[in-house]
Amino acid sequence: METQTHNIISSQKNKMFMNPLLESGPDPYIYKHTDGYYYLTITLSDHIAIWKSPTITGISTAEKKIIWSPPAEGPYSHNIWAPEIHYINGKWFIYFTANDGGGDDTRQIFVLENSSSDPLLGKWHFRGAVNTDHPGLDGTVLQHNDELYFIYSGYGYFPDYGSALYIAKMENPWTLIGENILISAPAEAWEKQGGMAINEGPIFLKRNGKVFLVFSASATWSDDYCLGMLTACETANLLDPDSWAKYPGPVFSKSVKKRVFSPGHNSFTQSPDGSEDWIVYHAFSFSEDEGDHGLGRLRNPRVQKINWKPDGTPNFGTPLPAYTPMVIPSGEV
């Protein structure tokens, strides 16, 4: 099939678009800023770049800039994964995973800072490693009730080899204070597919008096890589593990019928007019029996609208197949 990925298709009533946003782009993170632009980061392995677009569906033709490359050697020289761009207290921060080229025990989360109003301008300063208690990856930040919280996927959860989710309070955007508290471990079968017990890629979504923590479960190369969800009341103590309830199964998973496999490592954004919530995620269009899922570059970023249940929890639905026309986000022109 000839790729029609980025086309906007006119219809009688609506403009349409099709996934994927890019042909390659693992671990997509989209941030909608108050300047009206969307900023995208993805895993590129040997550098970090930012895409800037006035619309979600315009990412493919958006301005792109490489903003940082690692040194040739050292603790953050290899495997640059899962960068996330955040705007905190009037400055831009990017959190990314890296290591020295060794094993998982050398993997850490590092921070870049930029005080420019436009993250494609100004200078990105290397702030160093976040002082987590465990080696790990996929750090993200929650700004909540005038406090900063950091959550990441830490390695070495016992008795299964893999990773679990830890939360800690932040003194500033690059420093943790207090204990790193375990709030989710991969204890169920749906979190252990592909030969590893994994909780990773945590992302927050606040709506309807609740804080939702959506994460990726199982090995990323498995067809059954999927999304799980924790929920807490927005007034609860988020550092208390008992404040979080885990949904008993995946909330977003593969569809063999629709040819979508390993949907995961997501983020959330809103339509330009703020009336719709959209999930951003990566997926394969072929199963692990049909091709090599170890080639991460073959994962591509996709978006689709999510809905809300009467009880105030998100309904992610089923991942839609690639190259399927969908109505553009509300407010896009």
C-alpha atoms as a PDB file:
ATOM      1  CA  MET A   1       0.000   0.000   0.000  1.00  0.00           C
ATOM      2  CA  GLU A   2       1.285   3.436  -0.877  1.00  0.00           C
ATOM      3  CA  THR A   3       1.797   5.407   2.320  1.00  0.00           C
ATOM      4  CA  GLN A   4      -0.870   8.051   2.839  1.00  0.00           C
ATOM      5  CA  THR A   5       0.131   8.717   6.414  1.00  0.00           C
ATOM      6  CA  HIS A   6       0.077  12.467   6.660  1.00  0.00           C
ATOM      7  CA  ASN A   7      -2.630  13.422   4.212  1.00  0.00           C
ATOM      8  CA  ILE A   8      -5.555  15.519   5.326  1.00  0.00           C
ATOM      9  CA  ILE A   9      -8.572  14.301   3.384  1.00  0.00           C
ATOM     10  CA  SER A  10     -11.507  16.566   2.603  1.00  0.00           C
ATOM     11  CA  SER A  11     -15.013  15.224   3.099  1.00  0.00           C
ATOM     12  CA  GLN A  12     -18.433  16.773   2.766  1.00  0.00           C
ATOM     13  CA  LYS A  13     -18.774  17.469   6.476  1.00  0.00           C
ATOM     14  CA  ASN A  14     -15.351  17.077   8.121  1.00  0.00           C
ATOM     15  CA  LYS A  15     -11.682  17.136   7.435  1.00  0.00           C
ATOM     16  CA  MET A  16     -10.034  13.795   8.024  1.00  0.00           C
ATOM     17  CA  PHE A  17      -6.541  12.518   8.765  1.00  0.00           C
ATOM     18  CA  MET A  18      -4.838   9.135   9.062  1.00  0.00           C
ATOM     19  CA  ASN A  19      -2.326   7.592  11.430  1.00  0.00           C
ATOM     20  CA  PRO A  20       0.586   7.236  11.858  1.00  0.00           C
ATOM     21  CA  LEU A  21       1.819  10.773  12.524  1.00  0.00           C
ATOM     22  CA  LEU A  22       5.341   9.698  11.519  1.00  0.00           C
ATOM     23  CA  GLU A  23       6.562   6.491   9.907  1.00  0.00           C
ATOM     24  CA  SER A  24       8.959   5.966  12.821  1.00  0.00           C
ATOM     25  CA  GLY A  25       8.744   7.339  16.337  1.00  0.00           C
ATOM     26  CA  PRO A  26       8.845   5.182  19.478  1.00  0.00           C
ATOM     27  CA  ASP A  27       7.784   6.593  22.854  1.00  0.00           C
ATOM     28  CA  PRO A  28       5.919   9.675  21.562  1.00  0.00           C
ATOM     29  CA  TYR A  29       5.287  12.538  23.966  1.00  0.00           C
ATOM     30  CA  ILE A  30       3.207  15.547  22.889  1.00  0.00           C
ATOM     31  CA  TYR A  31       2.949  18.663  25.034  1.00  0.00           C
ATOM     32  CA  LYS A  32       0.371  21.368  24.246  1.00  0.00           C
ATOM     33  CA  HIS A  33       1.666  24.733  25.421  1.00  0.00           C
ATOM     34  CA  THR A  34      -0.112  28.015  26.148  1.00  0.00           C
ATOM     35  CA  ASP A  35       1.502  29.522  23.027  1.00  0.00           C
ATOM     36  CA  GLY A  36      -0.872  27.413  20.920  1.00  0.00           C
ATOM     37  CA  TYR A  37       1.799  25.003  19.688  1.00  0.00           C
ATOM     38  CA  TYR A  38       2.247  21.273  20.145  1.00  0.00           C
ATOM     39  CA  TYR A  39       5.745  19.996  20.933  1.00  0.00           C
ATOM     40  CA  LEU A  40       6.652  16.380  20.158  1.00  0.00           C
ATOM     41  CA  THR A  41       9.587  14.303  21.359  1.00  0.00           C
ATOM     42  CA  ILE A  42      10.333  10.663  20.459  1.00  0.00           C
ATOM     43  CA  THR A  43      13.115   8.140  21.014  1.00  0.00           C
ATOM     44  CA  LEU A  44      15.910   8.702  18.493  1.00  0.00           C
ATOM     45  CA  SER A  45      18.608   6.756  20.418  1.00  0.00           C
ATOM     46  CA  ASP A  46      21.595   9.023  19.687  1.00  0.00           C
ATOM     47  CA  HIS A  47      20.165  12.559  20.023  1.00  0.00           C
ATOM     48  CA  ILE A  48      17.098  14.536  21.104  1.00  0.00           C
ATOM     49  CA  ALA A  49      14.920  16.571  18.739  1.00  0.00           C
ATOM     50  CA  ILE A  50      11.708  18.577  19.090  1.00  0.00           C
ATOM     51  CA  TRP A  51       8.903  18.932  16.547  1.00  0.00           C
ATOM     52  CA  LYS A  52       6.792  22.117  16.766  1.00  0.00           C
ATOM     53  CA  SER A  53       3.334  22.275  15.179  1.00  0.00           C
ATOM     54  CA  PRO A  54       0.179  24.411  15.501  1.00  0.00           C
ATOM     55  CA  THR A  55      -1.876  21.210  15.166  1.00  0.00           C
ATOM     56  CA  ILE A  56      -1.637  17.579  16.209  1.00  0.00           C
ATOM     57  CA  THR A  57      -2.138  16.243  12.696  1.00  0.00           C
ATOM     58  CA  GLY A  58       0.450  18.669  11.301  1.00  0.00           C
ATOM     59  CA  ILE A  59       3.322  17.057  13.219  1.00  0.00           C
ATOM     60  CA  SER A  60       4.600  15.239  10.118  1.00  0.00           C
ATOM     61  CA  THR A  61       5.327  18.474   8.272  1.00  0.00           C
ATOM     62  CA  ALA A  62       6.243  20.490  11.354  1.00  0.00           C
ATOM     63  CA  GLU A  63       9.425  22.352  12.113  1.00  0.00           C
ATOM     64  CA  LYS A  64      11.999  20.036  13.697  1.00  0.00           C
ATOM     65  CA  LYS A  65      15.193  20.867  15.526  1.00  0.00           C
ATOM     66  CA  ILE A  66      17.914  18.725  17.095  1.00  0.00           C
ATOM     67  CA  ILE A  67      18.445  20.323  20.492  1.00  0.00           C
ATOM     68  CA  TRP A  68      20.983  18.002  22.164  1.00  0.00           C
ATOM     69  CA  SER A  69      23.463  15.264  21.361  1.00  0.00           C
ATOM     70  CA  PRO A  70      25.342  13.225  23.967  1.00  0.00           C
ATOM     71  CA  PRO A  71      29.100  13.037  24.462  1.00  0.00           C
ATOM     72  CA  ALA A  72      30.968  10.103  22.912  1.00  0.00           C
ATOM     73  CA  GLU A  73      31.583   8.479  26.278  1.00  0.00           C
ATOM     74  CA  GLY A  74      30.293   8.652  29.819  1.00  0.00           C
ATOM     75  CA  PRO A  75      27.192   7.803  31.879  1.00  0.00           C
ATOM     76  CA  TYR A  76      24.724   9.419  29.447  1.00  0.00           C
ATOM     77  CA  SER A  77      26.434   8.709  26.131  1.00  0.00           C
ATOM     78  CA  HIS A  78      24.305   5.818  24.837  1.00  0.00           C
ATOM     79  CA  ASN A  79      20.712   4.645  24.391  1.00  0.00           C
ATOM     80  CA  ILE A  80      18.964   8.011  24.573  1.00  0.00           C
ATOM     81  CA  TRP A  81      15.391   6.937  25.172  1.00  0.00           C
ATOM     82  CA  ALA A  82      11.944   8.341  25.869  1.00  0.00           C
ATOM     83  CA  PRO A  83      12.545  12.098  26.129  1.00  0.00           C
ATOM     84  CA  GLU A  84       9.635  14.083  27.566  1.00  0.00           C
ATOM     85  CA  ILE A  85       9.276  17.860  27.330  1.00  0.00           C
ATOM     86  CA  HIS A  86       7.690  19.692  30.289  1.00  0.00           C
ATOM     87  CA  TYR A  87       7.116  23.339  31.148  1.00  0.00           C
ATOM     88  CA  ILE A  88       7.665  23.963  34.869  1.00  0.00           C
ATOM     89  CA  ASN A  89       7.783  27.286  36.690  1.00  0.00           C
ATOM     90  CA  GLY A  90       8.429  29.287  33.522  1.00  0.00           C
ATOM     91  CA  LYS A  91      11.182  27.068  32.098  1.00  0.00           C
ATOM     92  CA  TRP A  92      11.385  24.102  29.749  1.00  0.00           C
ATOM     93  CA  PHE A  93      12.714  20.763  30.936  1.00  0.00           C
ATOM     94  CA  ILE A  94      13.394  17.542  29.058  1.00  0.00           C
ATOM     95  CA  TYR A  95      13.667  14.272  30.984  1.00  0.00           C
ATOM     96  CA  PHE A  96      15.354  11.424  29.146  1.00  0.00           C
ATOM     97  CA  THR A  97      16.818   7.997  29.794  1.00  0.00           C
ATOM     98  CA  ALA A  98      20.433   7.110  28.961  1.00  0.00           C
ATOM     99  CA  ASN A  99      23.331   4.929  30.047  1.00  0.00           C
ATOM    100  CA  ASP A 100      27.007   4.321  29.371  1.00  0.00           C
ATOM    101  CA  GLY A 101      26.373   1.531  26.883  1.00  0.00           C
ATOM    102  CA  GLY A 102      26.363  -1.130  29.579  1.00  0.00           C
ATOM    103  CA  GLY A 103      23.522  -3.011  31.211  1.00  0.00           C
ATOM    104  CA  ASP A 104      20.278  -1.926  32.821  1.00  0.00           C
ATOM    105  CA  ASP A 105      22.047  -1.221  36.098  1.00  0.00           C
ATOM    106  CA  THR A 106      23.742   1.793  34.466  1.00  0.00           C
ATOM    107  CA  ARG A 107      20.524   3.296  33.150  1.00  0.00           C
ATOM    108  CA  GLN A 108      19.487   6.661  34.645  1.00  0.00           C
ATOM    109  CA  ILE A 109      17.134   9.566  33.995  1.00  0.00           C
ATOM    110  CA  PHE A 110      18.739  12.893  33.118  1.00  0.00           C
ATOM    111  CA  VAL A 111      17.471  16.463  32.801  1.00  0.00           C
ATOM    112  CA  LEU A 112      17.976  19.313  30.320  1.00  0.00           C
ATOM    113  CA  GLU A 113      16.801  22.880  31.038  1.00  0.00           C
ATOM    114  CA  ASN A 114      16.021  25.844  28.760  1.00  0.00           C
ATOM    115  CA  SER A 115      14.803  29.270  29.924  1.00  0.00           C
ATOM    116  CA  SER A 116      13.797  30.477  26.434  1.00  0.00           C
ATOM    117  CA  SER A 117      10.107  31.063  25.770  1.00  0.00           C
ATOM    118  CA  ASP A 118      10.465  28.878  22.661  1.00  0.00           C
ATOM    119  CA  PRO A 119      12.091  25.468  23.300  1.00  0.00           C
ATOM    120  CA  LEU A 120      13.501  25.433  19.781  1.00  0.00           C
ATOM    121  CA  LEU A 121      15.448  28.578  20.651  1.00  0.00           C
ATOM    122  CA  GLY A 122      17.838  29.421  23.462  1.00  0.00           C
ATOM    123  CA  LYS A 123      20.344  26.990  24.936  1.00  0.00           C
ATOM    124  CA  TRP A 124      19.599  23.661  26.547  1.00  0.00           C
ATOM    125  CA  HIS A 125      21.697  23.198  29.690  1.00  0.00           C
ATOM    126  CA  PHE A 126      22.506  19.747  31.029  1.00  0.00           C
ATOM    127  CA  ARG A 127      21.322  19.592  34.653  1.00  0.00           C
ATOM    128  CA  GLY A 128      22.528  16.091  35.466  1.00  0.00           C
ATOM    129  CA  ALA A 129      20.895  12.897  36.693  1.00  0.00           C
ATOM    130  CA  VAL A 130      17.759  12.750  38.786  1.00  0.00           C
ATOM    131  CA  ASN A 131      18.771  11.286  42.149  1.00  0.00           C
ATOM    132  CA  THR A 132      16.550   8.200  42.027  1.00  0.00           C
ATOM    133  CA  ASP A 133      17.050   5.344  44.485  1.00  0.00           C
ATOM    134  CA  HIS A 134      17.071   2.751  41.708  1.00  0.00           C
ATOM    135  CA  PRO A 135      18.521   2.528  38.198  1.00  0.00           C
ATOM    136  CA  GLY A 136      15.687   2.983  35.757  1.00  0.00           C
ATOM    137  CA  LEU A 137      14.020   4.789  32.906  1.00  0.00           C
ATOM    138  CA  ASP A 138      10.968   6.730  31.711  1.00  0.00           C
ATOM    139  CA  GLY A 139      10.839   9.596  34.193  1.00  0.00           C
ATOM    140  CA  THR A 140       7.860  11.950  34.170  1.00  0.00           C
ATOM    141  CA  VAL A 141       6.641  14.858  36.316  1.00  0.00           C
ATOM    142  CA  LEU A 142       3.228  15.637  37.797  1.00  0.00           C
ATOM    143  CA  GLN A 143       2.463  19.241  38.793  1.00  0.00           C
ATOM    144  CA  HIS A 144      -0.308  18.927  41.359  1.00  0.00           C
ATOM    145  CA  ASN A 145      -1.576  21.200  44.139  1.00  0.00           C
ATOM    146  CA  ASP A 146       1.532  23.412  43.914  1.00  0.00           C
ATOM    147  CA  GLU A 147       3.782  20.393  44.379  1.00  0.00           C
ATOM    148  CA  LEU A 148       6.025  18.470  41.990  1.00  0.00           C
ATOM    149  CA  TYR A 149       6.017  14.671  41.907  1.00  0.00           C
ATOM    150  CA  PHE A 150       8.394  12.452  39.963  1.00  0.00           C
ATOM    151  CA  ILE A 151       7.540   8.949  38.859  1.00  0.00           C
ATOM    152  CA  TYR A 152       9.744   6.505  37.013  1.00  0.00           C
ATOM    153  CA  SER A 153      10.216   2.863  36.154  1.00  0.00           C
ATOM    154  CA  GLY A 154      12.855   1.377  38.440  1.00  0.00           C
ATOM    155  CA  TYR A 155      14.740  -1.836  37.707  1.00  0.00           C
ATOM    156  CA  GLY A 156      15.256  -4.835  39.923  1.00  0.00           C
ATOM    157  CA  TYR A 157      11.795  -5.528  41.302  1.00  0.00           C
ATOM    158  CA  PHE A 158      11.978  -8.810  43.221  1.00  0.00           C
ATOM    159  CA  PRO A 159      11.095 -11.701  42.754  1.00  0.00           C
ATOM    160  CA  ASP A 160      10.607 -11.159  39.009  1.00  0.00           C
ATOM    161  CA  TYR A 161      13.259  -9.506  36.921  1.00  0.00           C
ATOM    162  CA  GLY A 162      11.871  -6.337  35.401  1.00  0.00           C
ATOM    163  CA  SER A 163      10.715  -2.904  36.465  1.00  0.00           C
ATOM    164  CA  ALA A 164       8.151  -1.326  38.766  1.00  0.00           C
ATOM    165  CA  LEU A 165       6.777   2.201  39.260  1.00  0.00           C
ATOM    166  CA  TYR A 166       8.106   4.492  41.993  1.00  0.00           C
ATOM    167  CA  ILE A 167       6.944   7.975  43.034  1.00  0.00           C
ATOM    168  CA  ALA A 168       8.812  10.669  44.969  1.00  0.00           C
ATOM    169  CA  LYS A 169       8.374  14.317  45.843  1.00  0.00           C
ATOM    170  CA  MET A 170      10.585  16.867  44.100  1.00  0.00           C
ATOM    171  CA  GLU A 171      12.497  19.703  45.717  1.00  0.00           C
ATOM    172  CA  ASN A 172      13.019  21.221  42.279  1.00  0.00           C
ATOM    173  CA  PRO A 173      12.684  19.921  38.693  1.00  0.00           C
ATOM    174  CA  TRP A 174      15.905  17.878  38.936  1.00  0.00           C
ATOM    175  CA  THR A 175      16.102  16.857  42.619  1.00  0.00           C
ATOM    176  CA  LEU A 176      14.050  14.321  44.570  1.00  0.00           C
ATOM    177  CA  ILE A 177      13.490  14.510  48.315  1.00  0.00           C
ATOM    178  CA  GLY A 178      12.387  11.687  50.565  1.00  0.00           C
ATOM    179  CA  GLU A 179      11.715   8.068  49.823  1.00  0.00           C
ATOM    180  CA  ASN A 180      11.091   6.564  46.386  1.00  0.00           C
ATOM    181  CA  ILE A 181       7.788   4.797  47.064  1.00  0.00           C
ATOM    182  CA  LEU A 182       6.682   1.697  45.160  1.00  0.00           C
ATOM    183  CA  ILE A 183       3.109   2.123  43.878  1.00  0.00           C
ATOM    184  CA  SER A 184       2.844  -0.500  41.127  1.00  0.00           C
ATOM    185  CA  ALA A 185       4.653  -3.778  40.507  1.00  0.00           C
ATOM    186  CA  PRO A 186       4.022  -6.200  37.616  1.00  0.00           C
ATOM    187  CA  ALA A 187       2.262  -8.946  39.556  1.00  0.00           C
ATOM    188  CA  GLU A 188      -0.351 -10.143  37.038  1.00  0.00           C
ATOM    189  CA  ALA A 189       0.018 -12.283  33.915  1.00  0.00           C
ATOM    190  CA  TRP A 190      -0.930  -9.401  31.572  1.00  0.00           C
ATOM    191  CA  GLU A 191       2.054  -7.457  32.964  1.00  0.00           C
ATOM    192  CA  LYS A 192       4.526 -10.288  32.290  1.00  0.00           C
ATOM    193  CA  GLN A 193       4.139 -11.070  28.587  1.00  0.00           C
ATOM    194  CA  GLY A 194       7.232 -11.421  26.410  1.00  0.00           C
ATOM    195  CA  GLY A 195       9.313 -13.017  29.136  1.00  0.00           C
ATOM    196  CA  MET A 196       9.695 -10.014  31.448  1.00  0.00           C
ATOM    197  CA  ALA A 197       7.661  -8.481  34.259  1.00  0.00           C
ATOM    198  CA  ILE A 198       7.393  -4.804  33.317  1.00  0.00           C
ATOM    199  CA  ASN A 199       5.674  -1.602  34.415  1.00  0.00           C
ATOM    200  CA  GLU A 200       7.137   1.381  32.522  1.00  0.00           C
ATOM    201  CA  GLY A 201       6.280   4.564  30.610  1.00  0.00           C
ATOM    202  CA  PRO A 202       4.167   6.219  33.350  1.00  0.00           C
ATOM    203  CA  ILE A 203       2.018   9.183  32.302  1.00  0.00           C
ATOM    204  CA  PHE A 204      -0.436  11.268  34.329  1.00  0.00           C
ATOM    205  CA  LEU A 205      -3.908  12.450  33.346  1.00  0.00           C
ATOM    206  CA  LYS A 206      -5.988  14.606  35.723  1.00  0.00           C
ATOM    207  CA  ARG A 207      -9.748  14.807  35.181  1.00  0.00           C
ATOM    208  CA  ASN A 208     -13.015  14.653  37.110  1.00  0.00           C
ATOM    209  CA  GLY A 209     -11.510  14.882  40.583  1.00  0.00           C
ATOM    210  CA  LYS A 210      -9.148  11.988  39.917  1.00  0.00           C
ATOM    211  CA  VAL A 211      -5.491  11.452  39.078  1.00  0.00           C
ATOM    212  CA  PHE A 212      -4.988   8.674  36.540  1.00  0.00           C
ATOM    213  CA  LEU A 213      -1.573   7.102  36.093  1.00  0.00           C
ATOM    214  CA  VAL A 214      -1.429   5.194  32.823  1.00  0.00           C
ATOM    215  CA  PHE A 215       1.574   2.938  32.251  1.00  0.00           C
ATOM    216  CA  SER A 216       2.894   0.357  29.799  1.00  0.00           C
ATOM    217  CA  ALA A 217       3.021  -3.305  30.831  1.00  0.00           C
ATOM    218  CA  SER A 218       4.927  -6.392  29.598  1.00  0.00           C
ATOM    219  CA  ALA A 219       7.939  -6.467  27.290  1.00  0.00           C
ATOM    220  CA  THR A 220       7.912  -3.861  24.559  1.00  0.00           C
ATOM    221  CA  TRP A 221       8.655  -6.476  21.873  1.00  0.00           C
ATOM    222  CA  SER A 222       5.609  -8.561  22.815  1.00  0.00           C
ATOM    223  CA  ASP A 223       2.353  -8.318  20.859  1.00  0.00           C
ATOM    224  CA  ASP A 224       0.729  -8.031  24.282  1.00  0.00           C
ATOM    225  CA  TYR A 225       2.570  -4.878  25.340  1.00  0.00           C
ATOM    226  CA  CYS A 226      -0.355  -2.801  26.568  1.00  0.00           C
ATOM    227  CA  LEU A 227      -1.536  -0.026  28.858  1.00  0.00           C
ATOM    228  CA  GLY A 228      -2.585  -0.410  32.489  1.00  0.00           C
ATOM    229  CA  MET A 229      -3.972   2.251  34.814  1.00  0.00           C
ATOM    230  CA  LEU A 230      -3.800   3.341  38.439  1.00  0.00           C
ATOM    231  CA  THR A 231      -6.373   5.766  39.890  1.00  0.00           C
ATOM    232  CA  ALA A 232      -6.224   8.049  42.930  1.00  0.00           C
ATOM    233  CA  CYS A 233      -8.514  10.773  44.277  1.00  0.00           C
ATOM    234  CA  GLU A 234      -7.042  14.208  43.560  1.00  0.00           C
ATOM    235  CA  THR A 235      -7.205  15.048  47.295  1.00  0.00           C
ATOM    236  CA  ALA A 236      -5.416  11.848  48.367  1.00  0.00           C
ATOM    237  CA  ASN A 237      -1.828  11.556  49.528  1.00  0.00           C
ATOM    238  CA  LEU A 238      -0.193  10.487  46.272  1.00  0.00           C
ATOM    239  CA  LEU A 239       2.858   9.223  48.169  1.00  0.00           C
ATOM    240  CA  ASP A 240       0.725   6.634  49.955  1.00  0.00           C
ATOM    241  CA  PRO A 241       0.544   3.363  47.974  1.00  0.00           C
ATOM    242  CA  ASP A 242      -2.911   2.738  49.422  1.00  0.00           C
ATOM    243  CA  SER A 243      -4.174   5.861  47.623  1.00  0.00           C
ATOM    244  CA  TRP A 244      -3.742   4.098  44.280  1.00  0.00           C
ATOM    245  CA  ALA A 245      -6.078   1.434  42.875  1.00  0.00           C
ATOM    246  CA  LYS A 246      -4.921  -0.616  39.878  1.00  0.00           C
ATOM    247  CA  TYR A 247      -7.453  -1.492  37.212  1.00  0.00           C
ATOM    248  CA  PRO A 248      -7.578  -5.313  37.070  1.00  0.00           C
ATOM    249  CA  GLY A 249      -6.531  -5.651  33.440  1.00  0.00           C
ATOM    250  CA  PRO A 250      -5.289  -3.730  30.404  1.00  0.00           C
ATOM    251  CA  VAL A 251      -7.172  -0.542  29.497  1.00  0.00           C
ATOM    252  CA  PHE A 252      -5.724  -0.395  25.953  1.00  0.00           C
ATOM    253  CA  SER A 253      -4.360  -3.450  24.165  1.00  0.00           C
ATOM    254  CA  LYS A 254      -3.705  -5.114  20.825  1.00  0.00           C
ATOM    255  CA  SER A 255      -6.343  -5.742  18.191  1.00  0.00           C
ATOM    256  CA  VAL A 256      -5.491  -8.694  15.951  1.00  0.00           C
ATOM    257  CA  LYS A 257      -8.544  -7.987  13.787  1.00  0.00           C
ATOM    258  CA  LYS A 258      -7.469  -4.380  13.238  1.00  0.00           C
ATOM    259  CA  ARG A 259      -3.785  -5.229  12.820  1.00  0.00           C
ATOM    260  CA  VAL A 260      -2.545  -3.172  15.771  1.00  0.00           C
ATOM    261  CA  PHE A 261       0.069  -4.811  17.978  1.00  0.00           C
ATOM    262  CA  SER A 262       2.005  -3.677  21.078  1.00  0.00           C
ATOM    263  CA  PRO A 263       0.151  -0.388  21.608  1.00  0.00           C
ATOM    264  CA  GLY A 264       1.871   1.460  24.418  1.00  0.00           C
ATOM    265  CA  HIS A 265       4.247   4.069  25.826  1.00  0.00           C
ATOM    266  CA  ASN A 266       1.682   6.800  25.557  1.00  0.00           C
ATOM    267  CA  SER A 267       1.090  10.421  26.446  1.00  0.00           C
ATOM    268  CA  PHE A 268      -2.009  12.611  26.456  1.00  0.00           C
ATOM    269  CA  THR A 269      -2.897  15.924  24.868  1.00  0.00           C
ATOM    270  CA  GLN A 270      -5.996  17.973  24.041  1.00  0.00           C
ATOM    271  CA  SER A 271      -7.531  19.265  20.836  1.00  0.00           C
ATOM    272  CA  PRO A 272      -6.748  22.898  19.930  1.00  0.00           C
ATOM    273  CA  ASP A 273     -10.055  24.113  21.384  1.00  0.00           C
ATOM    274  CA  GLY A 274      -9.598  22.055  24.558  1.00  0.00           C
ATOM    275  CA  SER A 275     -12.854  20.146  24.136  1.00  0.00           C
ATOM    276  CA  GLU A 276     -11.346  16.722  23.405  1.00  0.00           C
ATOM    277  CA  ASP A 277      -8.760  14.481  25.054  1.00  0.00           C
ATOM    278  CA  TRP A 278      -6.442  12.502  22.798  1.00  0.00           C
ATOM    279  CA  ILE A 279      -4.127   9.599  23.509  1.00  0.00           C
ATOM    280  CA  VAL A 280      -0.735   9.511  21.781  1.00  0.00           C
ATOM    281  CA  TYR A 281       0.968   6.102  21.566  1.00  0.00           C
ATOM    282  CA  HIS A 282       3.202   3.901  19.453  1.00  0.00           C
ATOM    283  CA  ALA A 283       2.310   0.570  17.854  1.00  0.00           C
ATOM    284  CA  PHE A 284       3.247  -1.983  15.203  1.00  0.00           C
ATOM    285  CA  SER A 285       1.069  -2.969  12.237  1.00  0.00           C
ATOM    286  CA  PHE A 286       2.473  -6.525  12.259  1.00  0.00           C
ATOM    287  CA  SER A 287       2.771  -9.220  14.900  1.00  0.00           C
ATOM    288  CA  GLU A 288       6.018 -10.470  16.432  1.00  0.00           C
ATOM    289  CA  ASP A 289       5.576 -13.687  14.409  1.00  0.00           C
ATOM    290  CA  GLU A 290       5.522 -11.650  11.193  1.00  0.00           C
ATOM    291  CA  GLY A 291       8.495  -9.366  11.816  1.00  0.00           C
ATOM    292  CA  ASP A 292      11.143  -8.212  14.242  1.00  0.00           C
ATOM    293  CA  HIS A 293       9.647  -6.175  17.076  1.00  0.00           C
ATOM    294  CA  GLY A 294      13.156  -5.706  18.386  1.00  0.00           C
ATOM    295  CA  LEU A 295      13.616  -3.045  15.726  1.00  0.00           C
ATOM    296  CA  GLY A 296      12.183  -0.192  17.752  1.00  0.00           C
ATOM    297  CA  ARG A 297      12.285   2.224  14.843  1.00  0.00           C
ATOM    298  CA  LEU A 298       9.437   0.272  13.232  1.00  0.00           C
ATOM    299  CA  ARG A 299       7.083   1.465  15.964  1.00  0.00           C
ATOM    300  CA  ASN A 300       5.226   4.558  14.798  1.00  0.00           C
ATOM    301  CA  PRO A 301       3.348   7.284  16.711  1.00  0.00           C
ATOM    302  CA  ARG A 302      -0.432   7.380  16.495  1.00  0.00           C
ATOM    303  CA  VAL A 303      -3.244   9.395  18.065  1.00  0.00           C
ATOM    304  CA  GLN A 304      -6.935   8.875  18.660  1.00  0.00           C
ATOM    305  CA  LYS A 305      -9.654  10.537  20.679  1.00  0.00           C
ATOM    306  CA  ILE A 306     -10.622   9.091  24.051  1.00  0.00           C
ATOM    307  CA  ASN A 307     -14.029   9.252  25.680  1.00  0.00           C
ATOM    308  CA  TRP A 308     -15.203   9.354  29.282  1.00  0.00           C
ATOM    309  CA  LYS A 309     -17.397   6.918  31.201  1.00  0.00           C
ATOM    310  CA  PRO A 310     -20.256   8.084  33.473  1.00  0.00           C
ATOM    311  CA  ASP A 311     -18.080   7.344  36.524  1.00  0.00           C
ATOM    312  CA  GLY A 312     -15.476   9.859  35.337  1.00  0.00           C
ATOM    313  CA  THR A 313     -12.862   7.334  34.182  1.00  0.00           C
ATOM    314  CA  PRO A 314     -11.370   7.290  30.673  1.00  0.00           C
ATOM    315  CA  ASN A 315     -12.573   4.928  27.972  1.00  0.00           C
ATOM    316  CA  PHE A 316      -9.665   4.380  25.602  1.00  0.00           C
ATOM    317  CA  GLY A 317     -11.573   2.071  23.302  1.00  0.00           C
ATOM    318  CA  THR A 318      -9.718  -0.122  20.805  1.00  0.00           C
ATOM    319  CA  PRO A 319      -6.653   1.012  18.835  1.00  0.00           C
ATOM    320  CA  LEU A 320      -7.635   1.844  15.283  1.00  0.00           C
ATOM    321  CA  PRO A 321      -5.753   0.432  12.304  1.00  0.00           C
ATOM    322  CA  ALA A 322      -3.205   2.565  10.491  1.00  0.00           C
ATOM    323  CA  TYR A 323      -4.329   4.439   7.358  1.00  0.00           C
ATOM    324  CA  THR A 324      -7.923   4.668   8.604  1.00  0.00           C
ATOM    325  CA  PRO A 325      -9.538   8.089   8.043  1.00  0.00           C
ATOM    326  CA  MET A 326     -10.488   9.845  11.290  1.00  0.00           C
ATOM    327  CA  VAL A 327     -11.990  13.245  11.987  1.00  0.00           C
ATOM    328  CA  ILE A 328      -9.319  15.793  12.870  1.00  0.00           C
ATOM    329  CA  PRO A 329      -9.176  17.104  16.446  1.00  0.00           C
ATOM    330  CA  SER A 330     -11.755  19.763  17.265  1.00  0.00           C
ATOM    331  CA  GLY A 331     -10.501  23.257  16.556  1.00  0.00           C
ATOM    332  CA  GLU A 332      -7.980  22.272  13.895  1.00  0.00           C
ATOM    333  CA  VAL A 333      -8.271  24.174  10.628  1.00  0.00           C
END
